[in-house]
Amino acid sequence: MAMAAGAKGGTKRRRGRRSGAINEINMTPFIDVVLVLLIIFMVAAPMMTVGVPLDLPQSKAAPLNSDTKPITLSIRQNGEVYLGEDRLSDETIIPKLTETAKSGFEERVFVRGDKRVDYGRVAQIMAIVTGGGFRKVALVTEPEQR
């Protein structure tokens, strides 16, 4: 009536896996969060264009492929010039451009002019920019709607 040494109350021990802490990472919540962030950034990216709202003219020209972001000057309908969201006078355009340009006078400068602005004003701003030493100056238009 004595129990054998080493036996624990007559219960059988299971062989194989022990029930303990799981040492595997569950990737499903991580993937869910990454996909939600991806969707949020895809929706928000078009809204993050910095600058002044303009009604750009349309053209059939093909878009330029570029690796670096150019400096953008915007000309409103009333002739006001903006660098990003900062309003500039004609005298401060070149100092602000040289301050902003990372690669000096080789930096590309895009001029966005509202389609209702006087063409003479757009030409005047382009003349100021090219006269200040910047050689890569281009006009920005929207692709023509078909």
C-alpha atoms as a PDB file:
ATOM      1  CA  MET A   1       0.000   0.000   0.000  1.00  0.00           C
ATOM      2  CA  ALA A   2       2.870   2.157  -0.257  1.00  0.00           C
ATOM      3  CA  MET A   3       3.305   4.139  -3.375  1.00  0.00           C
ATOM      4  CA  ALA A   4       6.255   3.657  -5.568  1.00  0.00           C
ATOM      5  CA  ALA A   5       8.945   6.266  -5.223  1.00  0.00           C
ATOM      6  CA  GLY A   6       8.711   8.953  -7.880  1.00  0.00           C
ATOM      7  CA  ALA A   7       5.058   8.464  -8.717  1.00  0.00           C
ATOM      8  CA  LYS A   8       2.841  11.471  -8.207  1.00  0.00           C
ATOM      9  CA  GLY A   9      -0.488  10.364  -6.970  1.00  0.00           C
ATOM     10  CA  GLY A  10      -1.036   7.936  -9.788  1.00  0.00           C
ATOM     11  CA  THR A  11      -1.450  10.606 -12.528  1.00  0.00           C
ATOM     12  CA  LYS A  12       0.139  10.044 -15.889  1.00  0.00           C
ATOM     13  CA  ARG A  13       2.592  12.548 -17.324  1.00  0.00           C
ATOM     14  CA  ARG A  14       2.087  13.730 -20.860  1.00  0.00           C
ATOM     15  CA  ARG A  15       4.989  13.509 -23.119  1.00  0.00           C
ATOM     16  CA  GLY A  16       5.654  16.041 -25.871  1.00  0.00           C
ATOM     17  CA  ARG A  17       4.935  19.778 -25.745  1.00  0.00           C
ATOM     18  CA  ARG A  18       4.628  21.436 -22.433  1.00  0.00           C
ATOM     19  CA  SER A  19       2.053  24.126 -21.914  1.00  0.00           C
ATOM     20  CA  GLY A  20       4.056  27.264 -21.305  1.00  0.00           C
ATOM     21  CA  ALA A  21       4.793  30.677 -22.739  1.00  0.00           C
ATOM     22  CA  ILE A  22       4.510  31.036 -26.496  1.00  0.00           C
ATOM     23  CA  ASN A  23       7.716  32.425 -27.901  1.00  0.00           C
ATOM     24  CA  GLU A  24       6.390  33.378 -31.369  1.00  0.00           C
ATOM     25  CA  ILE A  25       5.491  36.914 -32.393  1.00  0.00           C
ATOM     26  CA  ASN A  26       2.005  37.424 -33.801  1.00  0.00           C
ATOM     27  CA  MET A  27       2.526  39.534 -36.944  1.00  0.00           C
ATOM     28  CA  THR A  28      -1.147  40.114 -37.775  1.00  0.00           C
ATOM     29  CA  PRO A  29      -1.658  43.274 -35.642  1.00  0.00           C
ATOM     30  CA  PHE A  30       1.611  44.736 -36.960  1.00  0.00           C
ATOM     31  CA  ILE A  31       0.595  44.144 -40.586  1.00  0.00           C
ATOM     32  CA  ASP A  32      -2.842  45.653 -39.924  1.00  0.00           C
ATOM     33  CA  VAL A  33      -1.317  48.830 -38.496  1.00  0.00           C
ATOM     34  CA  VAL A  34       1.141  49.156 -41.406  1.00  0.00           C
ATOM     35  CA  LEU A  35      -1.646  48.773 -43.971  1.00  0.00           C
ATOM     36  CA  VAL A  36      -3.785  51.390 -42.226  1.00  0.00           C
ATOM     37  CA  LEU A  37      -0.845  53.827 -42.170  1.00  0.00           C
ATOM     38  CA  LEU A  38      -0.189  53.153 -45.853  1.00  0.00           C
ATOM     39  CA  ILE A  39      -3.783  53.986 -46.736  1.00  0.00           C
ATOM     40  CA  ILE A  40      -3.708  57.153 -44.621  1.00  0.00           C
ATOM     41  CA  PHE A  41      -0.519  58.394 -46.315  1.00  0.00           C
ATOM     42  CA  MET A  42      -1.840  57.548 -49.783  1.00  0.00           C
ATOM     43  CA  VAL A  43      -4.948  59.632 -49.131  1.00  0.00           C
ATOM     44  CA  ALA A  44      -3.104  62.501 -47.439  1.00  0.00           C
ATOM     45  CA  ALA A  45      -0.180  62.820 -49.885  1.00  0.00           C
ATOM     46  CA  PRO A  46      -2.047  64.739 -52.619  1.00  0.00           C
ATOM     47  CA  MET A  47      -3.279  67.211 -50.005  1.00  0.00           C
ATOM     48  CA  MET A  48       0.251  68.028 -48.844  1.00  0.00           C
ATOM     49  CA  THR A  49       1.232  70.180 -51.833  1.00  0.00           C
ATOM     50  CA  VAL A  50       2.722  73.335 -50.404  1.00  0.00           C
ATOM     51  CA  GLY A  51       1.917  76.588 -52.049  1.00  0.00           C
ATOM     52  CA  VAL A  52      -0.744  79.011 -53.060  1.00  0.00           C
ATOM     53  CA  PRO A  53      -3.920  77.677 -54.686  1.00  0.00           C
ATOM     54  CA  LEU A  54      -3.879  78.619 -58.374  1.00  0.00           C
ATOM     55  CA  ASP A  55      -5.918  77.884 -61.459  1.00  0.00           C
ATOM     56  CA  LEU A  56      -3.114  76.757 -63.793  1.00  0.00           C
ATOM     57  CA  PRO A  57      -3.428  76.851 -67.574  1.00  0.00           C
ATOM     58  CA  GLN A  58      -3.609  73.551 -69.460  1.00  0.00           C
ATOM     59  CA  SER A  59      -1.173  72.319 -72.113  1.00  0.00           C
ATOM     60  CA  LYS A  60      -0.351  69.192 -74.103  1.00  0.00           C
ATOM     61  CA  ALA A  61       3.282  69.145 -72.941  1.00  0.00           C
ATOM     62  CA  ALA A  62       4.556  65.971 -71.312  1.00  0.00           C
ATOM     63  CA  PRO A  63       5.513  66.142 -67.622  1.00  0.00           C
ATOM     64  CA  LEU A  64       9.182  66.458 -66.707  1.00  0.00           C
ATOM     65  CA  ASN A  65      10.806  63.543 -64.897  1.00  0.00           C
ATOM     66  CA  SER A  66      12.887  64.744 -61.996  1.00  0.00           C
ATOM     67  CA  ASP A  67      14.556  63.253 -58.957  1.00  0.00           C
ATOM     68  CA  THR A  68      14.852  66.387 -56.837  1.00  0.00           C
ATOM     69  CA  LYS A  69      12.118  68.768 -55.815  1.00  0.00           C
ATOM     70  CA  PRO A  70      12.480  72.132 -57.561  1.00  0.00           C
ATOM     71  CA  ILE A  71      11.966  75.568 -56.053  1.00  0.00           C
ATOM     72  CA  THR A  72       8.478  76.798 -56.941  1.00  0.00           C
ATOM     73  CA  LEU A  73       7.424  80.414 -57.356  1.00  0.00           C
ATOM     74  CA  SER A  74       3.681  81.043 -57.557  1.00  0.00           C
ATOM     75  CA  ILE A  75       2.069  84.108 -59.132  1.00  0.00           C
ATOM     76  CA  ARG A  76      -1.510  84.806 -58.098  1.00  0.00           C
ATOM     77  CA  GLN A  77      -4.170  86.413 -60.270  1.00  0.00           C
ATOM     78  CA  ASN A  78      -3.465  89.854 -58.775  1.00  0.00           C
ATOM     79  CA  GLY A  79       0.291  89.549 -59.530  1.00  0.00           C
ATOM     80  CA  GLU A  80       1.519  88.694 -56.000  1.00  0.00           C
ATOM     81  CA  VAL A  81       4.536  86.359 -55.945  1.00  0.00           C
ATOM     82  CA  TYR A  82       4.913  83.555 -53.379  1.00  0.00           C
ATOM     83  CA  LEU A  83       7.747  81.198 -52.515  1.00  0.00           C
ATOM     84  CA  GLY A  84       5.927  78.318 -50.842  1.00  0.00           C
ATOM     85  CA  GLU A  85       3.444  80.221 -48.691  1.00  0.00           C
ATOM     86  CA  ASP A  86       5.642  83.288 -48.123  1.00  0.00           C
ATOM     87  CA  ARG A  87       4.725  86.434 -50.059  1.00  0.00           C
ATOM     88  CA  LEU A  88       7.702  88.098 -51.793  1.00  0.00           C
ATOM     89  CA  SER A  89       8.262  91.510 -53.292  1.00  0.00           C
ATOM     90  CA  ASP A  90      10.151  91.802 -56.585  1.00  0.00           C
ATOM     91  CA  GLU A  91      13.287  92.941 -54.732  1.00  0.00           C
ATOM     92  CA  THR A  92      13.344  89.944 -52.381  1.00  0.00           C
ATOM     93  CA  ILE A  93      12.848  87.202 -55.003  1.00  0.00           C
ATOM     94  CA  ILE A  94      16.549  86.658 -55.821  1.00  0.00           C
ATOM     95  CA  PRO A  95      17.818  86.795 -52.191  1.00  0.00           C
ATOM     96  CA  LYS A  96      15.167  84.272 -51.116  1.00  0.00           C
ATOM     97  CA  LEU A  97      15.901  81.995 -54.095  1.00  0.00           C
ATOM     98  CA  THR A  98      19.652  81.995 -53.425  1.00  0.00           C
ATOM     99  CA  GLU A  99      18.951  81.302 -49.742  1.00  0.00           C
ATOM    100  CA  THR A 100      16.644  78.385 -50.632  1.00  0.00           C
ATOM    101  CA  ALA A 101      18.723  76.907 -53.486  1.00  0.00           C
ATOM    102  CA  LYS A 102      20.804  73.964 -52.267  1.00  0.00           C
ATOM    103  CA  SER A 103      22.838  73.550 -55.455  1.00  0.00           C
ATOM    104  CA  GLY A 104      23.334  77.244 -56.190  1.00  0.00           C
ATOM    105  CA  PHE A 105      22.371  78.706 -59.542  1.00  0.00           C
ATOM    106  CA  GLU A 106      21.978  75.212 -61.033  1.00  0.00           C
ATOM    107  CA  GLU A 107      18.808  74.684 -58.994  1.00  0.00           C
ATOM    108  CA  ARG A 108      15.616  74.272 -61.022  1.00  0.00           C
ATOM    109  CA  VAL A 109      13.002  76.992 -60.518  1.00  0.00           C
ATOM    110  CA  PHE A 110       9.382  76.365 -61.505  1.00  0.00           C
ATOM    111  CA  VAL A 111       7.107  79.349 -62.072  1.00  0.00           C
ATOM    112  CA  ARG A 112       3.415  78.647 -61.483  1.00  0.00           C
ATOM    113  CA  GLY A 113       1.251  81.430 -62.854  1.00  0.00           C
ATOM    114  CA  ASP A 114      -2.524  81.594 -62.497  1.00  0.00           C
ATOM    115  CA  LYS A 115      -4.138  81.439 -65.936  1.00  0.00           C
ATOM    116  CA  ARG A 116      -5.839  84.797 -65.328  1.00  0.00           C
ATOM    117  CA  VAL A 117      -2.615  86.634 -64.429  1.00  0.00           C
ATOM    118  CA  ASP A 118      -1.228  89.090 -66.967  1.00  0.00           C
ATOM    119  CA  TYR A 119       1.339  87.414 -69.241  1.00  0.00           C
ATOM    120  CA  GLY A 120       3.604  90.450 -68.856  1.00  0.00           C
ATOM    121  CA  ARG A 121       3.782  89.827 -65.101  1.00  0.00           C
ATOM    122  CA  VAL A 122       4.817  86.189 -65.627  1.00  0.00           C
ATOM    123  CA  ALA A 123       7.490  87.295 -68.124  1.00  0.00           C
ATOM    124  CA  GLN A 124       8.685  89.966 -65.665  1.00  0.00           C
ATOM    125  CA  ILE A 125       9.122  87.403 -62.861  1.00  0.00           C
ATOM    126  CA  MET A 126      10.933  84.998 -65.196  1.00  0.00           C
ATOM    127  CA  ALA A 127      13.232  87.850 -66.271  1.00  0.00           C
ATOM    128  CA  ILE A 128      14.001  88.650 -62.614  1.00  0.00           C
ATOM    129  CA  VAL A 129      14.831  84.999 -61.899  1.00  0.00           C
ATOM    130  CA  THR A 130      17.017  84.484 -64.987  1.00  0.00           C
ATOM    131  CA  GLY A 131      18.650  87.888 -64.478  1.00  0.00           C
ATOM    132  CA  GLY A 132      19.572  86.777 -60.962  1.00  0.00           C
ATOM    133  CA  GLY A 133      21.655  83.910 -62.373  1.00  0.00           C
ATOM    134  CA  PHE A 134      19.241  80.982 -62.365  1.00  0.00           C
ATOM    135  CA  ARG A 135      19.306  79.232 -65.753  1.00  0.00           C
ATOM    136  CA  LYS A 136      16.903  76.331 -65.221  1.00  0.00           C
ATOM    137  CA  VAL A 137      13.584  78.180 -65.149  1.00  0.00           C
ATOM    138  CA  ALA A 138      10.352  76.537 -66.365  1.00  0.00           C
ATOM    139  CA  LEU A 139       6.634  77.274 -66.448  1.00  0.00           C
ATOM    140  CA  VAL A 140       4.212  74.886 -64.769  1.00  0.00           C
ATOM    141  CA  THR A 141       0.915  73.948 -66.448  1.00  0.00           C
ATOM    142  CA  GLU A 142      -1.722  71.293 -65.925  1.00  0.00           C
ATOM    143  CA  PRO A 143      -2.160  68.465 -68.443  1.00  0.00           C
ATOM    144  CA  GLU A 144      -4.969  69.113 -70.900  1.00  0.00           C
ATOM    145  CA  GLN A 145      -8.251  67.384 -70.054  1.00  0.00           C
ATOM    146  CA  ARG A 146      -9.601  65.239 -72.890  1.00  0.00           C
END
